[in-house]
Amino acid sequence: MIRRHSPLAHAVYQDLLGSLGDGQVAALRGSPALEERSGRRYWYDSYRVGDQVRKRYIGEDTPDLAERMALHRENVRRNKDRAGHRTRLVRLLRAEGFLPIDGGTGAILNALAKTGVFGTGGTIVGTCAFRLYEGALGVRLGSDPAAGTDQADMARFERLSLALDDRVEASLTESFRDLEFASVPGPDGSAVWTWKQTRSGTVIEFLTPSIRAGEATRDLPALGVSARSLDFLDYLIADPVKAAVAYRSGVLVQVPRPERYAIHKLVVADRRQGGPDAPKSQKDRAQAALLIAALARDRPEALRLAFEAATGNGVTWRDPIAASLKRMPQTFAVLEAL
C-alpha cells in the first residue's frame, strides 16, 4: 500500500525545490577576500572546510574583477536571506517525516553541488536517488524495505553512485582533497573510479554509459578520474530532473526521472551477480514496484512512455524486463493496464 505525505509536506518540498533553483549562482565556494602583497592586491576565495579555512587564488585586482566580486557579494547576501527561509522549510520536512540524511553525506552532496557537478550533467543514481523521490512523488518511504533496512540505515549512505560525463566546471579532485577523500584504485591497480572519505568511510563511485562493447572503465580527463562503464545507463540518466536534499538549508541535486529509474530496475534486477534471487535483485524489484504503483496513479503517461522506450530497445531489454515482471504479478498488471 502506498503511503502519502501530507499536502503540506508536498507544498513545502516544492517551495524548497523552487527556492534552491532561484538561488543558484555562478558562485565561488566561499567569500571573496582581497589581500595586499608587495604593493599589489589579489582576490582569494575564502571558504571553510570543517573547522579549517581554505583559500583559493582568483586573480589580481582589476576594476572588472572588483565589479564582479561586488556583484557576487550581493548575490551571496540575497542567498543568505533565501537560505534562512530554506532552513525553515527543511525543518518542516523533517517534522513531516521526510527521511533524514547524515551530516557527512549531506556535506559531500553540498560540496559536489558547489563544484558544479549536478548543474553540468552529474546524476545521482542507486538507492540514494530512490530515497529522494519521496519529495517529488509525495510518497512516504518511512522504513519501507525498498529504501533500506531501518531508519538508521536510511539516514546514511555508505556508497554514493554518481553517473556523469566530463563537463564539470571545476576539478573534482580539489573538492575531494578538501573533504579528505582518497582514491581507491580499480581492480587493475590504475583506474580510479571510487573515492573513499577517510573520516566517515563513505564511498563515491563514478559511473558512465558504455560506448563500446566490453568496456570496463573510461577516463574522464577533465575530472582527473575514471568511471566504471555500465550498459543501460544512458537510458537511466536521459533527461534527468532536479531534487532537493533536506540537509541544512537544502542542497539541489540531480536524479533520474522516477519512471525511468523504475523501469531500469526491472532490467538490472534480472542481471545482478548472484541471480534474480540475490538480495540486491529483490531490493531492485521492491523499488520498482513501489515507484510503478505511485506513478501509475499520478503520472501514468510518463510511466507508459518510459516502459515503451525500454521495451522498444530490443530483446536485450525486453527479456530481463519480462523475467522480472514474471516475479511481480501485481506490477505486471499495473503496466498492462496503462
C-alpha atoms as a PDB file:
ATOM      1  CA  MET A   1       0.000   0.000   0.000  1.00  0.00           C
ATOM      2  CA  ILE A   2       1.349   3.410  -0.993  1.00  0.00           C
ATOM      3  CA  ARG A   3       1.521   5.847   1.909  1.00  0.00           C
ATOM      4  CA  ARG A   4       1.449   9.534   1.045  1.00  0.00           C
ATOM      5  CA  HIS A   5       2.958  12.608   2.612  1.00  0.00           C
ATOM      6  CA  SER A   6       0.505  15.306   3.628  1.00  0.00           C
ATOM      7  CA  PRO A   7      -0.411  18.090   1.176  1.00  0.00           C
ATOM      8  CA  LEU A   8       1.523  20.444   3.475  1.00  0.00           C
ATOM      9  CA  ALA A   9       4.692  18.360   3.138  1.00  0.00           C
ATOM     10  CA  HIS A  10       4.336  18.236  -0.641  1.00  0.00           C
ATOM     11  CA  ALA A  11       3.868  22.021  -0.810  1.00  0.00           C
ATOM     12  CA  VAL A  12       6.864  22.625   1.458  1.00  0.00           C
ATOM     13  CA  TYR A  13       9.053  20.387  -0.702  1.00  0.00           C
ATOM     14  CA  GLN A  14       8.038  22.203  -3.877  1.00  0.00           C
ATOM     15  CA  ASP A  15       8.795  25.527  -2.158  1.00  0.00           C
ATOM     16  CA  LEU A  16      12.246  24.263  -1.140  1.00  0.00           C
ATOM     17  CA  LEU A  17      12.980  22.960  -4.642  1.00  0.00           C
ATOM     18  CA  GLY A  18      11.899  26.244  -6.227  1.00  0.00           C
ATOM     19  CA  SER A  19      13.938  28.321  -3.788  1.00  0.00           C
ATOM     20  CA  LEU A  20      17.051  26.249  -4.435  1.00  0.00           C
ATOM     21  CA  GLY A  21      16.624  26.774  -8.163  1.00  0.00           C
ATOM     22  CA  ASP A  22      16.148  30.522  -7.716  1.00  0.00           C
ATOM     23  CA  GLY A  23      19.233  30.714  -5.502  1.00  0.00           C
ATOM     24  CA  GLN A  24      21.649  29.156  -7.974  1.00  0.00           C
ATOM     25  CA  VAL A  25      24.523  31.480  -8.806  1.00  0.00           C
ATOM     26  CA  ALA A  26      27.800  31.016 -10.586  1.00  0.00           C
ATOM     27  CA  ALA A  27      29.282  31.352  -7.150  1.00  0.00           C
ATOM     28  CA  LEU A  28      32.630  30.901  -5.522  1.00  0.00           C
ATOM     29  CA  ARG A  29      32.822  28.289  -2.821  1.00  0.00           C
ATOM     30  CA  GLY A  30      33.033  30.925  -0.085  1.00  0.00           C
ATOM     31  CA  SER A  31      33.517  34.685   0.276  1.00  0.00           C
ATOM     32  CA  PRO A  32      35.845  36.778  -1.897  1.00  0.00           C
ATOM     33  CA  ALA A  33      38.685  38.320   0.109  1.00  0.00           C
ATOM     34  CA  LEU A  34      41.156  40.997  -1.031  1.00  0.00           C
ATOM     35  CA  GLU A  35      44.759  40.724   0.159  1.00  0.00           C
ATOM     36  CA  GLU A  36      47.738  43.023  -0.478  1.00  0.00           C
ATOM     37  CA  ARG A  37      51.208  41.668  -1.163  1.00  0.00           C
ATOM     38  CA  SER A  38      54.263  43.661  -2.232  1.00  0.00           C
ATOM     39  CA  GLY A  39      52.135  46.636  -3.167  1.00  0.00           C
ATOM     40  CA  ARG A  40      49.691  44.604  -5.286  1.00  0.00           C
ATOM     41  CA  ARG A  41      46.241  43.414  -4.393  1.00  0.00           C
ATOM     42  CA  TYR A  42      44.867  39.952  -5.086  1.00  0.00           C
ATOM     43  CA  TRP A  43      41.474  38.298  -4.746  1.00  0.00           C
ATOM     44  CA  TYR A  44      41.079  34.950  -2.988  1.00  0.00           C
ATOM     45  CA  ASP A  45      38.117  32.678  -2.484  1.00  0.00           C
ATOM     46  CA  SER A  46      37.979  32.088   1.272  1.00  0.00           C
ATOM     47  CA  TYR A  47      35.886  29.109   2.325  1.00  0.00           C
ATOM     48  CA  ARG A  48      35.519  26.768   5.272  1.00  0.00           C
ATOM     49  CA  VAL A  49      36.010  23.008   5.239  1.00  0.00           C
ATOM     50  CA  GLY A  50      35.101  21.566   8.626  1.00  0.00           C
ATOM     51  CA  ASP A  51      36.948  23.666  11.213  1.00  0.00           C
ATOM     52  CA  GLN A  52      39.559  24.905   8.742  1.00  0.00           C
ATOM     53  CA  VAL A  53      39.542  27.945   6.453  1.00  0.00           C
ATOM     54  CA  ARG A  54      40.939  27.393   2.961  1.00  0.00           C
ATOM     55  CA  LYS A  55      41.893  29.980   0.338  1.00  0.00           C
ATOM     56  CA  ARG A  56      41.955  29.653  -3.431  1.00  0.00           C
ATOM     57  CA  TYR A  57      43.531  32.237  -5.712  1.00  0.00           C
ATOM     58  CA  ILE A  58      41.124  34.099  -8.027  1.00  0.00           C
ATOM     59  CA  GLY A  59      43.265  36.778  -9.664  1.00  0.00           C
ATOM     60  CA  GLU A  60      44.953  40.161  -9.357  1.00  0.00           C
ATOM     61  CA  ASP A  61      42.657  43.074  -8.534  1.00  0.00           C
ATOM     62  CA  THR A  62      41.324  44.954 -11.559  1.00  0.00           C
ATOM     63  CA  PRO A  63      38.280  47.226 -11.934  1.00  0.00           C
ATOM     64  CA  ASP A  64      36.477  44.481 -13.867  1.00  0.00           C
ATOM     65  CA  LEU A  65      37.253  41.778 -11.299  1.00  0.00           C
ATOM     66  CA  ALA A  66      36.357  44.101  -8.400  1.00  0.00           C
ATOM     67  CA  GLU A  67      32.963  44.733 -10.025  1.00  0.00           C
ATOM     68  CA  ARG A  68      32.405  41.016 -10.404  1.00  0.00           C
ATOM     69  CA  MET A  69      33.294  40.412  -6.745  1.00  0.00           C
ATOM     70  CA  ALA A  70      30.869  43.149  -5.651  1.00  0.00           C
ATOM     71  CA  LEU A  71      28.108  41.514  -7.670  1.00  0.00           C
ATOM     72  CA  HIS A  72      28.992  38.177  -6.136  1.00  0.00           C
ATOM     73  CA  ARG A  73      28.754  39.608  -2.599  1.00  0.00           C
ATOM     74  CA  GLU A  74      25.288  40.983  -3.387  1.00  0.00           C
ATOM     75  CA  ASN A  75      24.227  37.579  -4.692  1.00  0.00           C
ATOM     76  CA  VAL A  76      25.591  35.978  -1.518  1.00  0.00           C
ATOM     77  CA  ARG A  77      23.629  38.432   0.642  1.00  0.00           C
ATOM     78  CA  ARG A  78      20.414  37.606  -1.186  1.00  0.00           C
ATOM     79  CA  ASN A  79      21.183  33.915  -0.966  1.00  0.00           C
ATOM     80  CA  LYS A  80      21.654  34.175   2.804  1.00  0.00           C
ATOM     81  CA  ASP A  81      18.131  35.544   3.079  1.00  0.00           C
ATOM     82  CA  ARG A  82      16.863  32.675   0.932  1.00  0.00           C
ATOM     83  CA  ALA A  83      18.936  30.204   2.959  1.00  0.00           C
ATOM     84  CA  GLY A  84      17.177  31.196   6.185  1.00  0.00           C
ATOM     85  CA  HIS A  85      13.839  30.507   4.547  1.00  0.00           C
ATOM     86  CA  ARG A  86      15.063  27.179   3.176  1.00  0.00           C
ATOM     87  CA  THR A  87      16.383  26.114   6.584  1.00  0.00           C
ATOM     88  CA  ARG A  88      12.883  26.556   7.992  1.00  0.00           C
ATOM     89  CA  LEU A  89      11.463  24.505   5.113  1.00  0.00           C
ATOM     90  CA  VAL A  90      13.945  21.690   5.800  1.00  0.00           C
ATOM     91  CA  ARG A  91      12.863  21.635   9.457  1.00  0.00           C
ATOM     92  CA  LEU A  92       9.242  21.373   8.372  1.00  0.00           C
ATOM     93  CA  LEU A  93      10.065  18.444   6.092  1.00  0.00           C
ATOM     94  CA  ARG A  94      11.838  16.663   8.935  1.00  0.00           C
ATOM     95  CA  ALA A  95       8.821  17.238  11.165  1.00  0.00           C
ATOM     96  CA  GLU A  96       6.587  15.811   8.423  1.00  0.00           C
ATOM     97  CA  GLY A  97       8.564  12.577   8.396  1.00  0.00           C
ATOM     98  CA  PHE A  98      10.923  13.029   5.452  1.00  0.00           C
ATOM     99  CA  LEU A  99      13.919  10.698   5.538  1.00  0.00           C
ATOM    100  CA  PRO A 100      16.880  12.241   7.359  1.00  0.00           C
ATOM    101  CA  ILE A 101      20.381  12.400   5.954  1.00  0.00           C
ATOM    102  CA  ASP A 102      23.579  12.215   7.977  1.00  0.00           C
ATOM    103  CA  GLY A 103      25.889  15.191   8.166  1.00  0.00           C
ATOM    104  CA  GLY A 104      28.764  13.522   6.338  1.00  0.00           C
ATOM    105  CA  THR A 105      26.688  12.589   3.318  1.00  0.00           C
ATOM    106  CA  GLY A 106      24.990  15.971   3.279  1.00  0.00           C
ATOM    107  CA  ALA A 107      28.363  17.725   3.324  1.00  0.00           C
ATOM    108  CA  ILE A 108      29.581  15.609   0.404  1.00  0.00           C
ATOM    109  CA  LEU A 109      26.494  16.327  -1.688  1.00  0.00           C
ATOM    110  CA  ASN A 110      26.759  20.024  -0.839  1.00  0.00           C
ATOM    111  CA  ALA A 111      30.411  20.117  -1.919  1.00  0.00           C
ATOM    112  CA  LEU A 112      29.606  18.334  -5.176  1.00  0.00           C
ATOM    113  CA  ALA A 113      26.773  20.797  -5.825  1.00  0.00           C
ATOM    114  CA  LYS A 114      29.072  23.776  -5.251  1.00  0.00           C
ATOM    115  CA  THR A 115      31.638  22.273  -7.588  1.00  0.00           C
ATOM    116  CA  GLY A 116      29.021  22.302 -10.336  1.00  0.00           C
ATOM    117  CA  VAL A 117      28.661  18.543 -10.731  1.00  0.00           C
ATOM    118  CA  PHE A 118      24.863  18.446 -10.687  1.00  0.00           C
ATOM    119  CA  GLY A 119      24.459  21.527 -12.821  1.00  0.00           C
ATOM    120  CA  THR A 120      26.560  20.124 -15.659  1.00  0.00           C
ATOM    121  CA  GLY A 121      25.430  16.539 -16.090  1.00  0.00           C
ATOM    122  CA  GLY A 122      26.188  14.675 -12.853  1.00  0.00           C
ATOM    123  CA  THR A 123      23.263  12.498 -11.772  1.00  0.00           C
ATOM    124  CA  ILE A 124      22.843  10.593  -8.514  1.00  0.00           C
ATOM    125  CA  VAL A 125      21.712   7.025  -9.143  1.00  0.00           C
ATOM    126  CA  GLY A 126      21.017   3.995  -6.963  1.00  0.00           C
ATOM    127  CA  THR A 127      19.253   3.890  -3.606  1.00  0.00           C
ATOM    128  CA  CYS A 128      20.337   7.432  -2.751  1.00  0.00           C
ATOM    129  CA  ALA A 129      18.320   8.673  -5.743  1.00  0.00           C
ATOM    130  CA  PHE A 130      15.390   6.431  -4.840  1.00  0.00           C
ATOM    131  CA  ARG A 131      15.173   7.958  -1.378  1.00  0.00           C
ATOM    132  CA  LEU A 132      14.992  11.429  -2.872  1.00  0.00           C
ATOM    133  CA  TYR A 133      11.829  10.611  -4.837  1.00  0.00           C
ATOM    134  CA  GLU A 134       9.610  10.957  -1.780  1.00  0.00           C
ATOM    135  CA  GLY A 135       9.513  14.719  -2.267  1.00  0.00           C
ATOM    136  CA  ALA A 136       8.732  14.727  -5.974  1.00  0.00           C
ATOM    137  CA  LEU A 137       6.152  11.945  -5.707  1.00  0.00           C
ATOM    138  CA  GLY A 138       4.802  12.742  -2.246  1.00  0.00           C
ATOM    139  CA  VAL A 139       5.379   9.132  -1.217  1.00  0.00           C
ATOM    140  CA  ARG A 140       6.171   8.422   2.430  1.00  0.00           C
ATOM    141  CA  LEU A 141       9.037   5.932   2.418  1.00  0.00           C
ATOM    142  CA  GLY A 142       9.459   5.661   6.191  1.00  0.00           C
ATOM    143  CA  SER A 143      11.054   2.280   6.954  1.00  0.00           C
ATOM    144  CA  ASP A 144       9.986   0.678   3.683  1.00  0.00           C
ATOM    145  CA  PRO A 145      12.371  -2.214   2.892  1.00  0.00           C
ATOM    146  CA  ALA A 146      12.796  -0.820  -0.623  1.00  0.00           C
ATOM    147  CA  ALA A 147      14.620   2.158   0.854  1.00  0.00           C
ATOM    148  CA  GLY A 148      16.728   0.396   3.454  1.00  0.00           C
ATOM    149  CA  THR A 149      16.735  -1.973   6.368  1.00  0.00           C
ATOM    150  CA  ASP A 150      15.868   0.526   9.091  1.00  0.00           C
ATOM    151  CA  GLN A 151      15.749   4.246   9.854  1.00  0.00           C
ATOM    152  CA  ALA A 152      19.424   4.414  10.804  1.00  0.00           C
ATOM    153  CA  ASP A 153      20.460   2.738   7.562  1.00  0.00           C
ATOM    154  CA  MET A 154      18.289   5.063   5.522  1.00  0.00           C
ATOM    155  CA  ALA A 155      19.867   8.108   7.124  1.00  0.00           C
ATOM    156  CA  ARG A 156      23.364   7.191   5.977  1.00  0.00           C
ATOM    157  CA  PHE A 157      24.616   6.324   2.505  1.00  0.00           C
ATOM    158  CA  GLU A 158      27.766   4.220   2.699  1.00  0.00           C
ATOM    159  CA  ARG A 159      28.096   4.302  -1.084  1.00  0.00           C
ATOM    160  CA  LEU A 160      27.027   7.089  -3.397  1.00  0.00           C
ATOM    161  CA  SER A 161      26.755   6.284  -7.087  1.00  0.00           C
ATOM    162  CA  LEU A 162      27.232   9.236  -9.419  1.00  0.00           C
ATOM    163  CA  ALA A 163      26.731   8.975 -13.182  1.00  0.00           C
ATOM    164  CA  LEU A 164      28.429  11.729 -15.174  1.00  0.00           C
ATOM    165  CA  ASP A 165      30.346  12.791 -18.223  1.00  0.00           C
ATOM    166  CA  ASP A 166      33.314  15.174 -18.403  1.00  0.00           C
ATOM    167  CA  ARG A 167      31.571  18.549 -18.465  1.00  0.00           C
ATOM    168  CA  VAL A 168      32.096  19.618 -14.857  1.00  0.00           C
ATOM    169  CA  GLU A 169      33.088  23.262 -14.374  1.00  0.00           C
ATOM    170  CA  ALA A 170      35.821  22.678 -11.784  1.00  0.00           C
ATOM    171  CA  SER A 171      38.155  19.889 -10.843  1.00  0.00           C
ATOM    172  CA  LEU A 172      36.595  17.339  -8.525  1.00  0.00           C
ATOM    173  CA  THR A 173      39.968  16.334  -7.201  1.00  0.00           C
ATOM    174  CA  GLU A 174      40.337  19.656  -5.362  1.00  0.00           C
ATOM    175  CA  SER A 175      36.974  19.230  -3.646  1.00  0.00           C
ATOM    176  CA  PHE A 176      37.822  15.655  -2.727  1.00  0.00           C
ATOM    177  CA  ARG A 177      41.121  16.708  -1.171  1.00  0.00           C
ATOM    178  CA  ASP A 178      39.275  19.301   0.914  1.00  0.00           C
ATOM    179  CA  LEU A 179      36.801  16.638   2.089  1.00  0.00           C
ATOM    180  CA  GLU A 180      39.643  14.214   2.859  1.00  0.00           C
ATOM    181  CA  PHE A 181      38.820  11.720   0.133  1.00  0.00           C
ATOM    182  CA  ALA A 182      41.363   9.179  -1.003  1.00  0.00           C
ATOM    183  CA  SER A 183      41.254   7.403  -4.339  1.00  0.00           C
ATOM    184  CA  VAL A 184      40.609   3.669  -4.386  1.00  0.00           C
ATOM    185  CA  PRO A 185      42.371   2.048  -7.380  1.00  0.00           C
ATOM    186  CA  GLY A 186      40.357  -0.254  -9.587  1.00  0.00           C
ATOM    187  CA  PRO A 187      40.955  -3.984  -9.950  1.00  0.00           C
ATOM    188  CA  ASP A 188      43.902  -3.417 -12.283  1.00  0.00           C
ATOM    189  CA  GLY A 189      45.522  -1.024  -9.821  1.00  0.00           C
ATOM    190  CA  SER A 190      45.342   2.015 -12.113  1.00  0.00           C
ATOM    191  CA  ALA A 191      41.835   3.257 -12.989  1.00  0.00           C
ATOM    192  CA  VAL A 192      40.452   5.468 -10.225  1.00  0.00           C
ATOM    193  CA  TRP A 193      36.659   5.310 -10.228  1.00  0.00           C
ATOM    194  CA  THR A 194      35.920   5.135  -6.498  1.00  0.00           C
ATOM    195  CA  TRP A 195      36.863   7.568  -3.759  1.00  0.00           C
ATOM    196  CA  LYS A 196      36.602   6.953  -0.006  1.00  0.00           C
ATOM    197  CA  GLN A 197      36.333   9.576   2.696  1.00  0.00           C
ATOM    198  CA  THR A 198      38.876   8.802   5.383  1.00  0.00           C
ATOM    199  CA  ARG A 199      36.740  10.193   8.239  1.00  0.00           C
ATOM    200  CA  SER A 200      33.399   8.548   7.535  1.00  0.00           C
ATOM    201  CA  GLY A 201      34.217   5.668   5.230  1.00  0.00           C
ATOM    202  CA  THR A 202      31.677   6.956   2.687  1.00  0.00           C
ATOM    203  CA  VAL A 203      32.491   5.819  -0.843  1.00  0.00           C
ATOM    204  CA  ILE A 204      31.595   7.593  -4.099  1.00  0.00           C
ATOM    205  CA  GLU A 205      31.732   5.564  -7.276  1.00  0.00           C
ATOM    206  CA  PHE A 206      31.704   7.196 -10.698  1.00  0.00           C
ATOM    207  CA  LEU A 207      29.645   5.605 -13.443  1.00  0.00           C
ATOM    208  CA  THR A 208      29.341   6.441 -17.123  1.00  0.00           C
ATOM    209  CA  PRO A 209      27.382   4.882 -20.004  1.00  0.00           C
ATOM    210  CA  SER A 210      29.221   2.243 -22.019  1.00  0.00           C
ATOM    211  CA  ILE A 211      30.038   3.334 -25.548  1.00  0.00           C
ATOM    212  CA  ARG A 212      31.909   0.191 -26.630  1.00  0.00           C
ATOM    213  CA  ALA A 213      31.183  -3.499 -26.125  1.00  0.00           C
ATOM    214  CA  GLY A 214      33.199  -4.962 -23.276  1.00  0.00           C
ATOM    215  CA  GLU A 215      34.261  -1.547 -21.965  1.00  0.00           C
ATOM    216  CA  ALA A 216      35.095  -1.757 -18.257  1.00  0.00           C
ATOM    217  CA  THR A 217      36.200   1.798 -17.409  1.00  0.00           C
ATOM    218  CA  ARG A 218      36.589   5.080 -19.242  1.00  0.00           C
ATOM    219  CA  ASP A 219      38.862   8.014 -18.405  1.00  0.00           C
ATOM    220  CA  LEU A 220      37.273  11.407 -17.676  1.00  0.00           C
ATOM    221  CA  PRO A 221      40.302  13.687 -18.143  1.00  0.00           C
ATOM    222  CA  ALA A 222      38.537  16.895 -17.092  1.00  0.00           C
ATOM    223  CA  LEU A 223      37.897  15.357 -13.671  1.00  0.00           C
ATOM    224  CA  GLY A 224      41.138  13.513 -13.167  1.00  0.00           C
ATOM    225  CA  VAL A 225      39.236  10.268 -12.552  1.00  0.00           C
ATOM    226  CA  SER A 226      37.999   7.225 -14.395  1.00  0.00           C
ATOM    227  CA  ALA A 227      34.420   5.968 -14.394  1.00  0.00           C
ATOM    228  CA  ARG A 228      33.001   2.472 -14.434  1.00  0.00           C
ATOM    229  CA  SER A 229      31.206   1.877 -17.747  1.00  0.00           C
ATOM    230  CA  LEU A 230      27.743   0.348 -17.472  1.00  0.00           C
ATOM    231  CA  ASP A 231      25.244  -0.886 -20.025  1.00  0.00           C
ATOM    232  CA  PHE A 232      21.712   0.576 -19.928  1.00  0.00           C
ATOM    233  CA  LEU A 233      22.926   3.661 -18.032  1.00  0.00           C
ATOM    234  CA  ASP A 234      22.261   6.041 -20.912  1.00  0.00           C
ATOM    235  CA  TYR A 235      18.537   5.198 -20.681  1.00  0.00           C
ATOM    236  CA  LEU A 236      18.521   5.805 -16.937  1.00  0.00           C
ATOM    237  CA  ILE A 237      20.111   9.252 -16.957  1.00  0.00           C
ATOM    238  CA  ALA A 238      18.445  10.649 -20.073  1.00  0.00           C
ATOM    239  CA  ASP A 239      16.612  13.914 -19.300  1.00  0.00           C
ATOM    240  CA  PRO A 240      17.189  13.899 -15.509  1.00  0.00           C
ATOM    241  CA  VAL A 241      15.309  16.082 -13.014  1.00  0.00           C
ATOM    242  CA  LYS A 242      16.277  18.239 -10.052  1.00  0.00           C
ATOM    243  CA  ALA A 243      15.697  17.107  -6.476  1.00  0.00           C
ATOM    244  CA  ALA A 244      16.101  18.783  -3.097  1.00  0.00           C
ATOM    245  CA  VAL A 245      18.074  17.178  -0.275  1.00  0.00           C
ATOM    246  CA  ALA A 246      16.744  18.042   3.193  1.00  0.00           C
ATOM    247  CA  TYR A 247      20.138  18.979   4.620  1.00  0.00           C
ATOM    248  CA  ARG A 248      20.829  22.285   6.393  1.00  0.00           C
ATOM    249  CA  SER A 249      19.353  24.910   4.050  1.00  0.00           C
ATOM    250  CA  GLY A 250      18.807  22.346   1.296  1.00  0.00           C
ATOM    251  CA  VAL A 251      21.013  21.027  -1.493  1.00  0.00           C
ATOM    252  CA  LEU A 252      19.985  20.994  -5.147  1.00  0.00           C
ATOM    253  CA  VAL A 253      20.996  17.739  -6.864  1.00  0.00           C
ATOM    254  CA  GLN A 254      20.021  15.815  -9.971  1.00  0.00           C
ATOM    255  CA  VAL A 255      18.393  12.384 -10.164  1.00  0.00           C
ATOM    256  CA  PRO A 256      16.954  10.203 -12.963  1.00  0.00           C
ATOM    257  CA  ARG A 257      13.304  10.567 -13.881  1.00  0.00           C
ATOM    258  CA  PRO A 258      11.444   8.258 -11.478  1.00  0.00           C
ATOM    259  CA  GLU A 259       9.666   6.411 -14.303  1.00  0.00           C
ATOM    260  CA  ARG A 260      12.994   5.615 -15.971  1.00  0.00           C
ATOM    261  CA  TYR A 261      14.515   4.610 -12.642  1.00  0.00           C
ATOM    262  CA  ALA A 262      11.638   2.177 -12.055  1.00  0.00           C
ATOM    263  CA  ILE A 263      11.875   0.505 -15.474  1.00  0.00           C
ATOM    264  CA  HIS A 264      15.678   0.416 -15.291  1.00  0.00           C
ATOM    265  CA  LYS A 265      15.397  -1.510 -12.007  1.00  0.00           C
ATOM    266  CA  LEU A 266      13.347  -4.174 -13.782  1.00  0.00           C
ATOM    267  CA  VAL A 267      16.272  -4.644 -16.176  1.00  0.00           C
ATOM    268  CA  VAL A 268      19.109  -4.748 -13.643  1.00  0.00           C
ATOM    269  CA  ALA A 269      17.176  -6.943 -11.200  1.00  0.00           C
ATOM    270  CA  ASP A 270      17.466  -9.835 -13.651  1.00  0.00           C
ATOM    271  CA  ARG A 271      21.129  -9.181 -14.418  1.00  0.00           C
ATOM    272  CA  ARG A 272      22.573  -8.917 -10.927  1.00  0.00           C
ATOM    273  CA  GLN A 273      25.511 -11.062  -9.957  1.00  0.00           C
ATOM    274  CA  GLY A 274      24.070 -13.908  -7.909  1.00  0.00           C
ATOM    275  CA  GLY A 275      20.923 -14.144  -9.985  1.00  0.00           C
ATOM    276  CA  PRO A 276      17.372 -12.833  -9.565  1.00  0.00           C
ATOM    277  CA  ASP A 277      17.058 -14.247  -6.031  1.00  0.00           C
ATOM    278  CA  ALA A 278      20.026 -12.242  -4.735  1.00  0.00           C
ATOM    279  CA  PRO A 279      19.171  -9.655  -2.033  1.00  0.00           C
ATOM    280  CA  LYS A 280      20.090  -6.754  -4.323  1.00  0.00           C
ATOM    281  CA  SER A 281      17.795  -8.105  -7.039  1.00  0.00           C
ATOM    282  CA  GLN A 282      14.947  -8.351  -4.556  1.00  0.00           C
ATOM    283  CA  LYS A 283      15.580  -4.765  -3.496  1.00  0.00           C
ATOM    284  CA  ASP A 284      15.617  -3.670  -7.159  1.00  0.00           C
ATOM    285  CA  ARG A 285      12.178  -5.203  -7.675  1.00  0.00           C
ATOM    286  CA  ALA A 286      10.844  -3.698  -4.443  1.00  0.00           C
ATOM    287  CA  GLN A 287      11.927  -0.210  -5.519  1.00  0.00           C
ATOM    288  CA  ALA A 288      10.469  -0.694  -8.994  1.00  0.00           C
ATOM    289  CA  ALA A 289       7.166  -1.956  -7.589  1.00  0.00           C
ATOM    290  CA  LEU A 290       6.768   0.995  -5.224  1.00  0.00           C
ATOM    291  CA  LEU A 291       7.573   3.600  -7.870  1.00  0.00           C
ATOM    292  CA  ILE A 292       5.419   1.997 -10.555  1.00  0.00           C
ATOM    293  CA  ALA A 293       2.445   1.849  -8.188  1.00  0.00           C
ATOM    294  CA  ALA A 294       2.860   5.541  -7.325  1.00  0.00           C
ATOM    295  CA  LEU A 295       3.478   6.650 -10.911  1.00  0.00           C
ATOM    296  CA  ALA A 296       0.561   4.660 -12.330  1.00  0.00           C
ATOM    297  CA  ARG A 297      -1.734   6.793 -10.204  1.00  0.00           C
ATOM    298  CA  ASP A 298      -0.106  10.205 -10.601  1.00  0.00           C
ATOM    299  CA  ARG A 299       1.905  10.086 -13.856  1.00  0.00           C
ATOM    300  CA  PRO A 300       0.593   7.178 -15.941  1.00  0.00           C
ATOM    301  CA  GLU A 301       1.509   8.705 -19.297  1.00  0.00           C
ATOM    302  CA  ALA A 302       5.128   9.297 -18.276  1.00  0.00           C
ATOM    303  CA  LEU A 303       5.337   5.736 -16.964  1.00  0.00           C
ATOM    304  CA  ARG A 304       3.855   4.310 -20.169  1.00  0.00           C
ATOM    305  CA  LEU A 305       6.297   6.210 -22.361  1.00  0.00           C
ATOM    306  CA  ALA A 306       9.281   5.104 -20.264  1.00  0.00           C
ATOM    307  CA  PHE A 307       8.112   1.475 -20.431  1.00  0.00           C
ATOM    308  CA  GLU A 308       7.628   1.637 -24.201  1.00  0.00           C
ATOM    309  CA  ALA A 309      11.030   3.287 -24.702  1.00  0.00           C
ATOM    310  CA  ALA A 310      12.746   0.471 -22.814  1.00  0.00           C
ATOM    311  CA  THR A 311      10.880  -2.432 -24.374  1.00  0.00           C
ATOM    312  CA  GLY A 312      11.400  -0.879 -27.802  1.00  0.00           C
ATOM    313  CA  ASN A 313      15.162  -1.276 -27.427  1.00  0.00           C
ATOM    314  CA  GLY A 314      15.117  -4.944 -28.403  1.00  0.00           C
ATOM    315  CA  VAL A 315      15.352  -8.337 -26.724  1.00  0.00           C
ATOM    316  CA  THR A 316      18.301  -7.317 -24.541  1.00  0.00           C
ATOM    317  CA  TRP A 317      15.841  -5.064 -22.754  1.00  0.00           C
ATOM    318  CA  ARG A 318      12.576  -6.960 -23.174  1.00  0.00           C
ATOM    319  CA  ASP A 319      13.847 -10.284 -21.857  1.00  0.00           C
ATOM    320  CA  PRO A 320      15.132  -9.082 -18.449  1.00  0.00           C
ATOM    321  CA  ILE A 321      12.072  -6.844 -18.008  1.00  0.00           C
ATOM    322  CA  ALA A 322       9.776  -9.790 -18.722  1.00  0.00           C
ATOM    323  CA  ALA A 323      11.768 -12.033 -16.365  1.00  0.00           C
ATOM    324  CA  SER A 324      11.451  -9.506 -13.535  1.00  0.00           C
ATOM    325  CA  LEU A 325       7.734  -8.918 -14.122  1.00  0.00           C
ATOM    326  CA  LYS A 326       7.131 -12.683 -14.059  1.00  0.00           C
ATOM    327  CA  ARG A 327       8.048 -12.486 -10.370  1.00  0.00           C
ATOM    328  CA  MET A 328       5.884  -9.353  -9.895  1.00  0.00           C
ATOM    329  CA  PRO A 329       2.310 -10.188 -10.989  1.00  0.00           C
ATOM    330  CA  GLN A 330       0.772  -7.091  -9.394  1.00  0.00           C
ATOM    331  CA  THR A 331       3.289  -4.765 -11.050  1.00  0.00           C
ATOM    332  CA  PHE A 332       2.810  -6.577 -14.365  1.00  0.00           C
ATOM    333  CA  ALA A 333      -0.935  -5.981 -14.127  1.00  0.00           C
ATOM    334  CA  VAL A 334      -0.368  -2.273 -13.441  1.00  0.00           C
ATOM    335  CA  LEU A 335       1.848  -1.883 -16.513  1.00  0.00           C
ATOM    336  CA  GLU A 336      -0.535  -3.919 -18.682  1.00  0.00           C
ATOM    337  CA  ALA A 337      -3.376  -1.570 -17.740  1.00  0.00           C
ATOM    338  CA  LEU A 338      -1.554   1.596 -18.867  1.00  0.00           C
END
